[in-house]
Amino acid sequence: MPSGKRGRKGEIQQKVQKMSEKNPVLEPSYVGLDLSLTGTGFCLKRGSELSMETIKTTPKTAVHDLARLKYIRDALMERIPESTAMICVEDFFIPHMSSQINAAKSLIMLGTLVRVSLLDRGSPFYIVVSTQLKKYATGKGSGPKGLIIREIYKKWGVNAKDDNQADACVLAYIAEALFTNPADMPKYQEETLAKIKADAAHYNIVEE
C-alpha cells in the first residue's frame, strides 16, 4: 500500500540539478496557486522575474461543473513548468454560513483535483492556510481585503491586478523560501515556514 509520502527534498533537488545541467541558464521556478472557480490566481517566480495571471471561468465556460473544474485544472497544469522546484497551494476555506456551503464544496472538489494531479505528476507541493499566507506577507494572520495587494507592492514591488494574483504571489514567495531556506528573514516569516513544515506530514512532503 502506498505510504502517501510524495518524495524527499533531496530527490527534488536532484531533479532540479539535472534540469540545470541540461540548461545552465534555466533557474528553478516556484509556483503559487490561489484556487477559485471564478478567478484562480497563478504566479510563477523564477529568479527575480514574476508572471501572474487570473484564470477566470463562469458556468458557461464548460458544459457542466466537472468539466469546469477540469478546465481550471488543465489550465494550471499547462502553466507549471518542468523546472518547478516547489509549489504552494492555498488550503480550502471553512464556511461560516450555510449560504457558503455549496461554494465550499466546489472549491474542495477543485482543490482535490489539483492536488491529485500534482501528486500524479510528482510535483512537490505544500498546502498553506489563509492565516499563514497573511502572516508571511504582513506579520499578522488576519487583515482587511486588499491588504495583501498593498503589502506585496511595499515588500517586493509587485503590482497585482486582483486579490487572487496577490495571494498567488505570496504563495510563490513562500514556495521559494521553503525550498531555499534563506537565513535573512523576519521572525514572523520564520515562524510561518516552521508551521507550514510542521503540517507537512498531512500533505505528503517529507523533509530530510
N, C-alpha and C. Protein backbone atom coordinates (compact mmCIF):
# COMPACT_ATOMS: atom_id res chain seq x y z
N MET A 1 0.85 -1.21 0.00
CA MET A 1 0.00 0.00 0.00
C MET A 1 0.88 1.24 0.00
N PRO A 2 0.57 2.27 -0.80
CA PRO A 2 1.39 3.46 -0.83
C PRO A 2 1.41 4.14 0.53
N SER A 3 2.55 4.70 0.88
CA SER A 3 2.69 5.36 2.18
C SER A 3 2.08 6.75 2.18
N GLY A 4 1.84 7.33 0.99
CA GLY A 4 1.28 8.68 0.91
C GLY A 4 2.35 9.74 0.92
N LYS A 5 3.61 9.39 1.09
CA LYS A 5 4.69 10.37 1.10
C LYS A 5 5.24 10.53 -0.30
N ARG A 6 5.30 11.73 -0.75
CA ARG A 6 5.49 12.00 -2.16
C ARG A 6 6.94 12.08 -2.60
N GLY A 7 7.88 11.94 -1.71
CA GLY A 7 9.25 12.05 -2.13
C GLY A 7 10.01 13.00 -1.25
N ARG A 8 11.31 12.83 -1.15
CA ARG A 8 12.10 13.63 -0.25
C ARG A 8 12.70 14.85 -0.95
N LYS A 9 13.04 15.83 -0.11
CA LYS A 9 13.55 17.07 -0.67
C LYS A 9 14.82 16.83 -1.46
N GLY A 10 15.65 15.89 -1.00
CA GLY A 10 16.88 15.60 -1.73
C GLY A 10 16.61 15.11 -3.14
N GLU A 11 15.55 14.34 -3.32
CA GLU A 11 15.19 13.85 -4.65
C GLU A 11 14.74 15.01 -5.53
N ILE A 12 14.00 15.95 -4.93
CA ILE A 12 13.56 17.13 -5.68
C ILE A 12 14.77 17.94 -6.12
N GLN A 13 15.73 18.12 -5.19
CA GLN A 13 16.93 18.90 -5.52
C GLN A 13 17.71 18.23 -6.64
N GLN A 14 17.79 16.90 -6.63
CA GLN A 14 18.49 16.19 -7.70
C GLN A 14 17.81 16.42 -9.04
N LYS A 15 16.48 16.40 -9.03
CA LYS A 15 15.72 16.63 -10.26
C LYS A 15 15.99 18.02 -10.81
N VAL A 16 15.96 19.03 -9.92
CA VAL A 16 16.23 20.41 -10.34
C VAL A 16 17.67 20.54 -10.83
N GLN A 17 18.61 19.86 -10.16
CA GLN A 17 20.02 19.91 -10.55
C GLN A 17 20.21 19.33 -11.95
N LYS A 18 19.54 18.24 -12.25
CA LYS A 18 19.65 17.63 -13.57
C LYS A 18 19.12 18.56 -14.65
N MET A 19 18.02 19.27 -14.34
CA MET A 19 17.47 20.23 -15.29
C MET A 19 18.45 21.37 -15.53
N SER A 20 19.10 21.82 -14.45
CA SER A 20 20.06 22.92 -14.57
C SER A 20 21.28 22.50 -15.39
N GLU A 21 21.67 21.23 -15.26
CA GLU A 21 22.81 20.73 -16.04
C GLU A 21 22.47 20.70 -17.52
N LYS A 22 21.22 20.36 -17.84
CA LYS A 22 20.80 20.34 -19.23
C LYS A 22 20.73 21.75 -19.81
N ASN A 23 20.32 22.68 -18.97
CA ASN A 23 20.18 24.07 -19.40
C ASN A 23 20.66 24.97 -18.28
N PRO A 24 21.96 25.34 -18.24
CA PRO A 24 22.52 26.13 -17.15
C PRO A 24 21.86 27.49 -16.97
N VAL A 25 21.22 28.00 -18.02
CA VAL A 25 20.58 29.31 -17.93
C VAL A 25 19.26 29.23 -17.16
N LEU A 26 18.67 28.05 -17.15
CA LEU A 26 17.35 27.87 -16.57
C LEU A 26 17.42 27.82 -15.04
N GLU A 27 16.78 28.76 -14.39
CA GLU A 27 16.71 28.76 -12.93
C GLU A 27 15.49 27.97 -12.47
N PRO A 28 15.55 27.41 -11.25
CA PRO A 28 14.35 26.74 -10.72
C PRO A 28 13.20 27.72 -10.62
N SER A 29 12.01 27.23 -10.80
CA SER A 29 10.83 28.08 -10.69
C SER A 29 10.01 27.67 -9.47
N TYR A 30 9.23 28.62 -8.97
CA TYR A 30 8.38 28.42 -7.81
C TYR A 30 6.99 28.93 -8.16
N VAL A 31 5.98 28.18 -7.74
CA VAL A 31 4.61 28.47 -8.17
C VAL A 31 3.69 28.63 -6.97
N GLY A 32 2.80 29.63 -7.07
CA GLY A 32 1.75 29.82 -6.09
C GLY A 32 0.39 29.70 -6.75
N LEU A 33 -0.53 28.95 -6.12
CA LEU A 33 -1.86 28.73 -6.68
C LEU A 33 -2.92 29.13 -5.66
N ASP A 34 -3.75 30.09 -6.03
CA ASP A 34 -4.89 30.51 -5.21
C ASP A 34 -6.15 30.06 -5.95
N LEU A 35 -6.69 28.92 -5.55
CA LEU A 35 -7.74 28.27 -6.32
C LEU A 35 -9.10 28.92 -6.11
N SER A 36 -9.82 29.10 -7.21
CA SER A 36 -11.16 29.68 -7.18
C SER A 36 -11.88 29.30 -8.46
N LEU A 37 -13.19 29.12 -8.38
CA LEU A 37 -13.94 28.81 -9.59
C LEU A 37 -14.05 30.03 -10.51
N THR A 38 -14.23 31.19 -9.94
CA THR A 38 -14.43 32.39 -10.76
C THR A 38 -13.12 33.05 -11.18
N GLY A 39 -12.09 32.97 -10.33
CA GLY A 39 -10.81 33.61 -10.65
C GLY A 39 -9.66 32.98 -9.90
N THR A 40 -9.02 31.98 -10.50
CA THR A 40 -7.88 31.31 -9.87
C THR A 40 -6.61 32.12 -10.09
N GLY A 41 -5.94 32.44 -9.00
CA GLY A 41 -4.69 33.18 -9.11
C GLY A 41 -3.51 32.25 -9.34
N PHE A 42 -2.68 32.60 -10.32
CA PHE A 42 -1.49 31.82 -10.66
C PHE A 42 -0.29 32.74 -10.66
N CYS A 43 0.78 32.31 -9.99
CA CYS A 43 2.03 33.09 -10.00
C CYS A 43 3.21 32.16 -10.19
N LEU A 44 4.05 32.49 -11.15
CA LEU A 44 5.29 31.76 -11.42
C LEU A 44 6.45 32.68 -11.12
N LYS A 45 7.33 32.26 -10.21
CA LYS A 45 8.52 33.05 -9.85
C LYS A 45 9.77 32.30 -10.28
N ARG A 46 10.60 32.95 -11.06
CA ARG A 46 11.88 32.38 -11.48
C ARG A 46 12.93 33.47 -11.36
N GLY A 47 13.81 33.32 -10.38
CA GLY A 47 14.78 34.38 -10.10
C GLY A 47 14.04 35.62 -9.64
N SER A 48 14.32 36.75 -10.27
CA SER A 48 13.64 38.00 -9.92
C SER A 48 12.42 38.25 -10.80
N GLU A 49 12.13 37.34 -11.71
CA GLU A 49 11.01 37.53 -12.64
C GLU A 49 9.75 36.85 -12.12
N LEU A 50 8.63 37.58 -12.24
CA LEU A 50 7.33 37.06 -11.83
C LEU A 50 6.37 37.09 -13.01
N SER A 51 5.57 36.03 -13.13
CA SER A 51 4.50 36.00 -14.12
C SER A 51 3.22 35.67 -13.37
N MET A 52 2.23 36.58 -13.45
CA MET A 52 0.98 36.39 -12.72
C MET A 52 -0.20 36.41 -13.69
N GLU A 53 -1.22 35.64 -13.33
CA GLU A 53 -2.39 35.54 -14.18
C GLU A 53 -3.60 35.15 -13.35
N THR A 54 -4.76 35.61 -13.76
CA THR A 54 -6.02 35.17 -13.15
C THR A 54 -6.78 34.35 -14.18
N ILE A 55 -7.03 33.09 -13.87
CA ILE A 55 -7.75 32.20 -14.77
C ILE A 55 -9.23 32.29 -14.42
N LYS A 56 -10.00 32.97 -15.27
CA LYS A 56 -11.40 33.25 -14.98
C LYS A 56 -12.31 32.26 -15.69
N THR A 57 -13.35 31.83 -14.98
CA THR A 57 -14.36 30.96 -15.58
C THR A 57 -15.75 31.36 -15.06
N THR A 58 -16.75 30.91 -15.80
CA THR A 58 -18.15 31.05 -15.41
C THR A 58 -18.82 29.70 -15.66
N PRO A 59 -20.05 29.52 -15.21
CA PRO A 59 -20.73 28.26 -15.51
C PRO A 59 -20.83 27.98 -17.01
N LYS A 60 -20.72 29.02 -17.85
CA LYS A 60 -20.80 28.85 -19.29
C LYS A 60 -19.47 28.44 -19.92
N THR A 61 -18.40 28.44 -19.11
CA THR A 61 -17.08 28.07 -19.63
C THR A 61 -17.04 26.62 -20.10
N ALA A 62 -17.80 25.77 -19.43
CA ALA A 62 -17.80 24.34 -19.76
C ALA A 62 -19.23 23.81 -19.72
N VAL A 63 -19.41 22.58 -20.18
CA VAL A 63 -20.76 22.03 -20.34
C VAL A 63 -21.40 21.64 -19.01
N HIS A 64 -20.58 21.38 -17.98
CA HIS A 64 -21.12 21.08 -16.66
C HIS A 64 -20.04 21.35 -15.61
N ASP A 65 -20.38 21.17 -14.34
CA ASP A 65 -19.49 21.56 -13.25
C ASP A 65 -18.16 20.82 -13.27
N LEU A 66 -18.19 19.51 -13.53
CA LEU A 66 -16.95 18.74 -13.54
C LEU A 66 -16.04 19.18 -14.69
N ALA A 67 -16.62 19.48 -15.83
CA ALA A 67 -15.84 19.96 -16.96
C ALA A 67 -15.21 21.31 -16.65
N ARG A 68 -15.93 22.13 -15.88
CA ARG A 68 -15.38 23.43 -15.48
C ARG A 68 -14.18 23.25 -14.56
N LEU A 69 -14.29 22.32 -13.60
CA LEU A 69 -13.17 22.03 -12.70
C LEU A 69 -11.97 21.50 -13.50
N LYS A 70 -12.24 20.62 -14.46
CA LYS A 70 -11.17 20.07 -15.29
C LYS A 70 -10.51 21.16 -16.12
N TYR A 71 -11.30 22.09 -16.62
CA TYR A 71 -10.75 23.21 -17.40
C TYR A 71 -9.75 24.00 -16.57
N ILE A 72 -10.11 24.31 -15.33
CA ILE A 72 -9.21 25.07 -14.45
C ILE A 72 -7.96 24.26 -14.15
N ARG A 73 -8.16 22.97 -13.81
CA ARG A 73 -7.02 22.09 -13.52
C ARG A 73 -6.05 22.02 -14.70
N ASP A 74 -6.60 21.81 -15.89
CA ASP A 74 -5.76 21.69 -17.08
C ASP A 74 -5.00 22.99 -17.36
N ALA A 75 -5.69 24.12 -17.17
CA ALA A 75 -5.04 25.41 -17.40
C ALA A 75 -3.86 25.60 -16.46
N LEU A 76 -4.01 25.18 -15.22
CA LEU A 76 -2.92 25.30 -14.25
C LEU A 76 -1.76 24.37 -14.58
N MET A 77 -2.07 23.13 -14.88
CA MET A 77 -1.01 22.15 -15.14
C MET A 77 -0.21 22.53 -16.39
N GLU A 78 -0.86 23.15 -17.35
CA GLU A 78 -0.16 23.61 -18.56
C GLU A 78 0.83 24.72 -18.25
N ARG A 79 0.55 25.49 -17.20
CA ARG A 79 1.37 26.66 -16.87
C ARG A 79 2.52 26.35 -15.91
N ILE A 80 2.50 25.19 -15.29
CA ILE A 80 3.54 24.82 -14.33
C ILE A 80 4.69 24.16 -15.08
N PRO A 81 5.86 24.81 -15.14
CA PRO A 81 6.97 24.26 -15.93
C PRO A 81 7.64 23.06 -15.27
N GLU A 82 8.35 22.33 -16.07
CA GLU A 82 9.03 21.13 -15.58
C GLU A 82 10.09 21.46 -14.53
N SER A 83 10.66 22.67 -14.61
CA SER A 83 11.73 23.05 -13.70
C SER A 83 11.22 23.54 -12.34
N THR A 84 9.93 23.37 -12.06
CA THR A 84 9.38 23.86 -10.81
C THR A 84 9.94 23.08 -9.62
N ALA A 85 10.56 23.83 -8.70
CA ALA A 85 11.17 23.20 -7.53
C ALA A 85 10.20 23.04 -6.38
N MET A 86 9.22 23.95 -6.28
CA MET A 86 8.24 23.86 -5.20
C MET A 86 6.99 24.63 -5.58
N ILE A 87 5.85 24.13 -5.12
CA ILE A 87 4.55 24.74 -5.36
C ILE A 87 3.84 24.91 -4.03
N CYS A 88 3.16 26.03 -3.85
CA CYS A 88 2.31 26.23 -2.68
C CYS A 88 0.88 26.47 -3.14
N VAL A 89 -0.04 25.76 -2.51
CA VAL A 89 -1.45 25.86 -2.85
C VAL A 89 -2.21 26.33 -1.61
N GLU A 90 -3.04 27.36 -1.76
CA GLU A 90 -3.83 27.80 -0.61
C GLU A 90 -4.87 26.75 -0.25
N ASP A 91 -5.04 26.52 1.04
CA ASP A 91 -5.94 25.49 1.52
C ASP A 91 -7.41 25.88 1.33
N PHE A 92 -8.29 24.90 1.50
CA PHE A 92 -9.73 25.14 1.41
C PHE A 92 -10.16 26.12 2.50
N PHE A 93 -11.18 26.91 2.21
CA PHE A 93 -11.72 27.77 3.26
C PHE A 93 -12.87 27.04 3.95
N ILE A 94 -13.07 27.37 5.23
CA ILE A 94 -14.13 26.75 6.01
C ILE A 94 -15.33 27.70 6.04
N PRO A 95 -16.47 27.26 5.53
CA PRO A 95 -17.63 28.16 5.50
C PRO A 95 -18.18 28.42 6.90
N HIS A 96 -18.58 29.65 7.15
CA HIS A 96 -19.17 30.03 8.43
C HIS A 96 -20.68 30.23 8.32
N MET A 97 -21.19 30.27 7.11
CA MET A 97 -22.62 30.45 6.90
C MET A 97 -23.13 29.38 5.95
N SER A 98 -24.38 29.00 6.13
CA SER A 98 -24.96 27.94 5.29
C SER A 98 -24.96 28.31 3.82
N SER A 99 -25.03 29.61 3.54
CA SER A 99 -25.05 30.06 2.15
C SER A 99 -23.71 29.84 1.44
N GLN A 100 -22.65 29.56 2.21
CA GLN A 100 -21.32 29.36 1.63
C GLN A 100 -21.00 27.89 1.38
N ILE A 101 -21.87 27.00 1.83
CA ILE A 101 -21.55 25.57 1.79
C ILE A 101 -21.36 25.06 0.37
N ASN A 102 -22.25 25.42 -0.54
CA ASN A 102 -22.12 24.93 -1.92
C ASN A 102 -20.84 25.42 -2.57
N ALA A 103 -20.48 26.69 -2.33
CA ALA A 103 -19.23 27.23 -2.87
C ALA A 103 -18.04 26.50 -2.28
N ALA A 104 -18.11 26.20 -0.98
CA ALA A 104 -17.01 25.49 -0.33
C ALA A 104 -16.86 24.08 -0.90
N LYS A 105 -17.97 23.41 -1.17
CA LYS A 105 -17.91 22.06 -1.75
C LYS A 105 -17.24 22.08 -3.12
N SER A 106 -17.57 23.07 -3.91
CA SER A 106 -16.96 23.17 -5.25
C SER A 106 -15.46 23.42 -5.15
N LEU A 107 -15.06 24.27 -4.19
CA LEU A 107 -13.63 24.56 -4.01
C LEU A 107 -12.88 23.33 -3.51
N ILE A 108 -13.51 22.55 -2.65
CA ILE A 108 -12.89 21.32 -2.17
C ILE A 108 -12.69 20.35 -3.33
N MET A 109 -13.69 20.27 -4.20
CA MET A 109 -13.56 19.40 -5.38
C MET A 109 -12.41 19.87 -6.27
N LEU A 110 -12.34 21.18 -6.50
CA LEU A 110 -11.27 21.72 -7.34
C LEU A 110 -9.91 21.50 -6.68
N GLY A 111 -9.82 21.79 -5.38
CA GLY A 111 -8.56 21.62 -4.67
C GLY A 111 -8.08 20.18 -4.67
N THR A 112 -9.01 19.25 -4.51
CA THR A 112 -8.65 17.83 -4.52
C THR A 112 -8.16 17.41 -5.90
N LEU A 113 -8.85 17.86 -6.93
CA LEU A 113 -8.47 17.53 -8.30
C LEU A 113 -7.05 18.03 -8.60
N VAL A 114 -6.74 19.25 -8.19
CA VAL A 114 -5.41 19.83 -8.44
C VAL A 114 -4.35 19.09 -7.63
N ARG A 115 -4.64 18.76 -6.37
CA ARG A 115 -3.67 18.05 -5.54
C ARG A 115 -3.34 16.67 -6.13
N VAL A 116 -4.37 15.95 -6.57
CA VAL A 116 -4.13 14.62 -7.15
C VAL A 116 -3.32 14.75 -8.44
N SER A 117 -3.59 15.79 -9.21
CA SER A 117 -2.84 16.00 -10.46
C SER A 117 -1.37 16.29 -10.17
N LEU A 118 -1.11 17.11 -9.15
CA LEU A 118 0.27 17.39 -8.76
C LEU A 118 0.95 16.13 -8.24
N LEU A 119 0.19 15.34 -7.49
CA LEU A 119 0.71 14.07 -6.98
C LEU A 119 1.08 13.13 -8.11
N ASP A 120 0.20 13.01 -9.10
CA ASP A 120 0.44 12.12 -10.24
C ASP A 120 1.66 12.57 -11.04
N ARG A 121 1.83 13.88 -11.16
CA ARG A 121 2.97 14.39 -11.92
C ARG A 121 4.27 14.25 -11.14
N GLY A 122 4.18 14.15 -9.82
CA GLY A 122 5.37 14.10 -8.98
C GLY A 122 5.88 15.47 -8.61
N SER A 123 5.02 16.48 -8.69
CA SER A 123 5.42 17.85 -8.35
C SER A 123 5.38 18.04 -6.84
N PRO A 124 6.43 18.63 -6.27
CA PRO A 124 6.46 18.87 -4.82
C PRO A 124 5.57 20.05 -4.45
N PHE A 125 4.72 19.88 -3.43
CA PHE A 125 3.85 20.99 -3.05
C PHE A 125 3.54 20.97 -1.56
N TYR A 126 3.31 22.16 -1.05
CA TYR A 126 2.80 22.36 0.31
C TYR A 126 1.42 22.99 0.23
N ILE A 127 0.62 22.73 1.25
CA ILE A 127 -0.67 23.40 1.40
C ILE A 127 -0.49 24.49 2.46
N VAL A 128 -0.96 25.69 2.15
CA VAL A 128 -0.79 26.84 3.04
C VAL A 128 -2.16 27.39 3.38
N VAL A 129 -2.46 27.50 4.67
CA VAL A 129 -3.76 28.05 5.07
C VAL A 129 -3.74 29.57 4.95
N SER A 130 -4.91 30.15 4.89
CA SER A 130 -5.04 31.59 4.65
C SER A 130 -4.31 32.42 5.72
N THR A 131 -4.41 32.01 6.98
CA THR A 131 -3.76 32.78 8.04
C THR A 131 -2.24 32.75 7.91
N GLN A 132 -1.69 31.63 7.42
CA GLN A 132 -0.24 31.54 7.21
C GLN A 132 0.19 32.44 6.07
N LEU A 133 -0.61 32.45 5.01
CA LEU A 133 -0.31 33.32 3.87
C LEU A 133 -0.27 34.78 4.32
N LYS A 134 -1.29 35.20 5.07
CA LYS A 134 -1.37 36.58 5.52
C LYS A 134 -0.24 36.93 6.48
N LYS A 135 0.09 36.00 7.37
CA LYS A 135 1.16 36.27 8.32
C LYS A 135 2.50 36.42 7.61
N TYR A 136 2.76 35.58 6.63
CA TYR A 136 4.03 35.68 5.90
C TYR A 136 4.16 37.02 5.19
N ALA A 137 3.03 37.53 4.69
CA ALA A 137 3.06 38.78 3.92
C ALA A 137 3.02 40.01 4.80
N THR A 138 2.28 39.93 5.93
CA THR A 138 2.01 41.14 6.71
C THR A 138 2.52 41.10 8.14
N GLY A 139 2.84 39.91 8.65
CA GLY A 139 3.23 39.79 10.05
C GLY A 139 2.06 39.42 10.94
N LYS A 140 0.83 39.44 10.39
CA LYS A 140 -0.36 39.08 11.14
C LYS A 140 -1.19 38.10 10.33
N GLY A 141 -1.94 37.26 11.06
CA GLY A 141 -2.73 36.24 10.38
C GLY A 141 -4.09 36.69 9.93
N SER A 142 -4.36 37.97 10.03
CA SER A 142 -5.66 38.49 9.60
C SER A 142 -5.47 39.89 9.06
N GLY A 143 -6.50 40.38 8.38
CA GLY A 143 -6.42 41.73 7.82
C GLY A 143 -7.52 41.95 6.81
N PRO A 144 -7.80 43.21 6.46
CA PRO A 144 -8.88 43.51 5.51
C PRO A 144 -8.54 43.08 4.10
N LYS A 145 -9.57 42.90 3.30
CA LYS A 145 -9.39 42.55 1.89
C LYS A 145 -8.63 43.67 1.19
N GLY A 146 -7.70 43.33 0.37
CA GLY A 146 -6.89 44.33 -0.31
C GLY A 146 -5.56 44.58 0.37
N LEU A 147 -5.41 44.09 1.60
CA LEU A 147 -4.15 44.32 2.34
C LEU A 147 -2.98 43.64 1.64
N ILE A 148 -3.19 42.44 1.14
CA ILE A 148 -2.10 41.68 0.51
C ILE A 148 -1.61 42.41 -0.74
N ILE A 149 -2.53 42.99 -1.51
CA ILE A 149 -2.14 43.74 -2.71
C ILE A 149 -1.19 44.87 -2.34
N ARG A 150 -1.53 45.60 -1.30
CA ARG A 150 -0.67 46.71 -0.86
C ARG A 150 0.65 46.21 -0.31
N GLU A 151 0.59 45.10 0.43
CA GLU A 151 1.79 44.60 1.11
C GLU A 151 2.83 44.05 0.13
N ILE A 152 2.39 43.34 -0.91
CA ILE A 152 3.37 42.79 -1.85
C ILE A 152 4.02 43.91 -2.67
N TYR A 153 3.31 45.01 -2.85
CA TYR A 153 3.93 46.14 -3.53
C TYR A 153 4.98 46.78 -2.62
N LYS A 154 4.68 46.94 -1.34
CA LYS A 154 5.63 47.52 -0.40
C LYS A 154 6.85 46.63 -0.22
N LYS A 155 6.63 45.32 -0.12
CA LYS A 155 7.70 44.38 0.17
C LYS A 155 8.57 44.07 -1.05
N TRP A 156 7.91 43.78 -2.17
CA TRP A 156 8.62 43.24 -3.32
C TRP A 156 8.44 44.06 -4.60
N GLY A 157 7.69 45.15 -4.52
CA GLY A 157 7.47 45.98 -5.71
C GLY A 157 6.62 45.32 -6.75
N VAL A 158 5.71 44.44 -6.32
CA VAL A 158 4.87 43.67 -7.24
C VAL A 158 3.50 44.31 -7.37
N ASN A 159 3.07 44.52 -8.60
CA ASN A 159 1.73 45.05 -8.87
C ASN A 159 0.81 43.90 -9.26
N ALA A 160 -0.16 43.60 -8.41
CA ALA A 160 -1.13 42.56 -8.71
C ALA A 160 -2.43 43.20 -9.18
N LYS A 161 -3.07 42.58 -10.15
CA LYS A 161 -4.31 43.13 -10.69
C LYS A 161 -5.52 42.85 -9.80
N ASP A 162 -5.42 41.80 -8.95
CA ASP A 162 -6.54 41.47 -8.08
C ASP A 162 -6.03 40.67 -6.88
N ASP A 163 -6.94 40.38 -5.95
CA ASP A 163 -6.58 39.64 -4.74
C ASP A 163 -6.09 38.23 -5.04
N ASN A 164 -6.63 37.63 -6.08
CA ASN A 164 -6.23 36.27 -6.45
C ASN A 164 -4.76 36.22 -6.85
N GLN A 165 -4.35 37.16 -7.69
CA GLN A 165 -2.94 37.23 -8.09
C GLN A 165 -2.05 37.56 -6.90
N ALA A 166 -2.52 38.45 -6.03
CA ALA A 166 -1.72 38.84 -4.86
C ALA A 166 -1.47 37.65 -3.95
N ASP A 167 -2.51 36.87 -3.69
CA ASP A 167 -2.34 35.69 -2.84
C ASP A 167 -1.41 34.68 -3.50
N ALA A 168 -1.57 34.47 -4.81
CA ALA A 168 -0.70 33.54 -5.52
C ALA A 168 0.75 34.00 -5.48
N CYS A 169 0.96 35.31 -5.53
CA CYS A 169 2.31 35.86 -5.46
C CYS A 169 2.96 35.53 -4.12
N VAL A 170 2.24 35.75 -3.03
CA VAL A 170 2.77 35.42 -1.71
C VAL A 170 3.08 33.93 -1.62
N LEU A 171 2.21 33.10 -2.16
CA LEU A 171 2.42 31.65 -2.14
C LEU A 171 3.67 31.26 -2.91
N ALA A 172 3.94 31.94 -4.02
CA ALA A 172 5.16 31.65 -4.79
C ALA A 172 6.40 32.02 -3.99
N TYR A 173 6.36 33.15 -3.28
CA TYR A 173 7.48 33.54 -2.43
C TYR A 173 7.67 32.54 -1.28
N ILE A 174 6.57 32.06 -0.72
CA ILE A 174 6.66 31.05 0.33
C ILE A 174 7.27 29.77 -0.22
N ALA A 175 6.85 29.37 -1.43
CA ALA A 175 7.39 28.16 -2.05
C ALA A 175 8.91 28.26 -2.21
N GLU A 176 9.37 29.42 -2.65
CA GLU A 176 10.81 29.62 -2.81
C GLU A 176 11.53 29.53 -1.47
N ALA A 177 10.95 30.16 -0.44
CA ALA A 177 11.58 30.15 0.88
C ALA A 177 11.61 28.74 1.48
N LEU A 178 10.54 27.98 1.25
CA LEU A 178 10.51 26.61 1.76
C LEU A 178 11.58 25.74 1.12
N PHE A 179 11.88 26.02 -0.13
CA PHE A 179 12.87 25.21 -0.84
C PHE A 179 14.31 25.66 -0.57
N THR A 180 14.50 26.98 -0.48
CA THR A 180 15.86 27.50 -0.37
C THR A 180 16.32 27.76 1.06
N ASN A 181 15.36 27.83 2.01
CA ASN A 181 15.69 28.08 3.41
C ASN A 181 16.59 29.30 3.60
N PRO A 182 16.17 30.49 3.20
CA PRO A 182 17.02 31.68 3.35
C PRO A 182 17.25 32.02 4.82
N ALA A 183 18.41 32.57 5.10
CA ALA A 183 18.78 32.86 6.50
C ALA A 183 18.27 34.22 6.96
N ASP A 184 18.15 35.16 6.07
CA ASP A 184 17.81 36.54 6.45
C ASP A 184 16.34 36.83 6.19
N MET A 185 15.50 36.51 7.16
CA MET A 185 14.07 36.81 7.04
C MET A 185 13.53 37.18 8.42
N PRO A 186 12.47 37.97 8.44
CA PRO A 186 11.86 38.35 9.72
C PRO A 186 11.40 37.13 10.51
N LYS A 187 11.34 37.30 11.83
CA LYS A 187 10.96 36.18 12.69
C LYS A 187 9.57 35.65 12.35
N TYR A 188 8.63 36.55 12.02
CA TYR A 188 7.27 36.09 11.73
C TYR A 188 7.23 35.22 10.48
N GLN A 189 8.13 35.46 9.53
CA GLN A 189 8.18 34.61 8.35
C GLN A 189 8.81 33.26 8.70
N GLU A 190 9.83 33.27 9.54
CA GLU A 190 10.43 32.01 10.01
C GLU A 190 9.39 31.16 10.72
N GLU A 191 8.58 31.80 11.57
CA GLU A 191 7.54 31.08 12.30
C GLU A 191 6.51 30.50 11.35
N THR A 192 6.17 31.27 10.33
CA THR A 192 5.19 30.79 9.35
C THR A 192 5.72 29.57 8.60
N LEU A 193 6.95 29.62 8.14
CA LEU A 193 7.53 28.49 7.42
C LEU A 193 7.61 27.26 8.32
N ALA A 194 7.98 27.47 9.59
CA ALA A 194 8.07 26.35 10.52
C ALA A 194 6.72 25.68 10.72
N LYS A 195 5.66 26.48 10.78
CA LYS A 195 4.32 25.91 10.96
C LYS A 195 3.88 25.16 9.71
N ILE A 196 4.17 25.70 8.55
CA ILE A 196 3.82 25.00 7.30
C ILE A 196 4.53 23.66 7.24
N LYS A 197 5.82 23.65 7.60
CA LYS A 197 6.59 22.40 7.58
C LYS A 197 6.09 21.42 8.63
N ALA A 198 5.65 21.95 9.78
CA ALA A 198 5.14 21.08 10.84
C ALA A 198 3.88 20.35 10.40
N ASP A 199 3.12 20.96 9.51
CA ASP A 199 1.90 20.35 8.99
C ASP A 199 2.17 19.46 7.78
N ALA A 200 3.43 19.35 7.37
CA ALA A 200 3.76 18.72 6.10
C ALA A 200 3.35 17.25 6.00
N ALA A 201 3.35 16.55 7.13
CA ALA A 201 3.02 15.13 7.07
C ALA A 201 1.61 14.90 6.53
N HIS A 202 0.76 15.88 6.69
CA HIS A 202 -0.60 15.74 6.19
C HIS A 202 -0.67 15.93 4.67
N TYR A 203 0.38 16.46 4.08
CA TYR A 203 0.34 16.82 2.67
C TYR A 203 1.47 16.17 1.86
N ASN A 204 2.03 15.10 2.39
CA ASN A 204 2.97 14.27 1.62
C ASN A 204 4.28 14.94 1.25
N ILE A 205 4.73 15.91 2.05
CA ILE A 205 6.05 16.48 1.86
C ILE A 205 6.93 15.99 3.00
N VAL A 206 8.08 15.42 2.66
CA VAL A 206 8.97 14.88 3.69
C VAL A 206 10.29 15.62 3.64
N GLU A 207 10.70 16.18 4.78
CA GLU A 207 11.99 16.87 4.85
C GLU A 207 13.09 15.88 5.18
N GLU A 208 14.29 16.16 4.66
CA GLU A 208 15.45 15.36 5.01
C GLU A 208 15.83 15.64 6.46
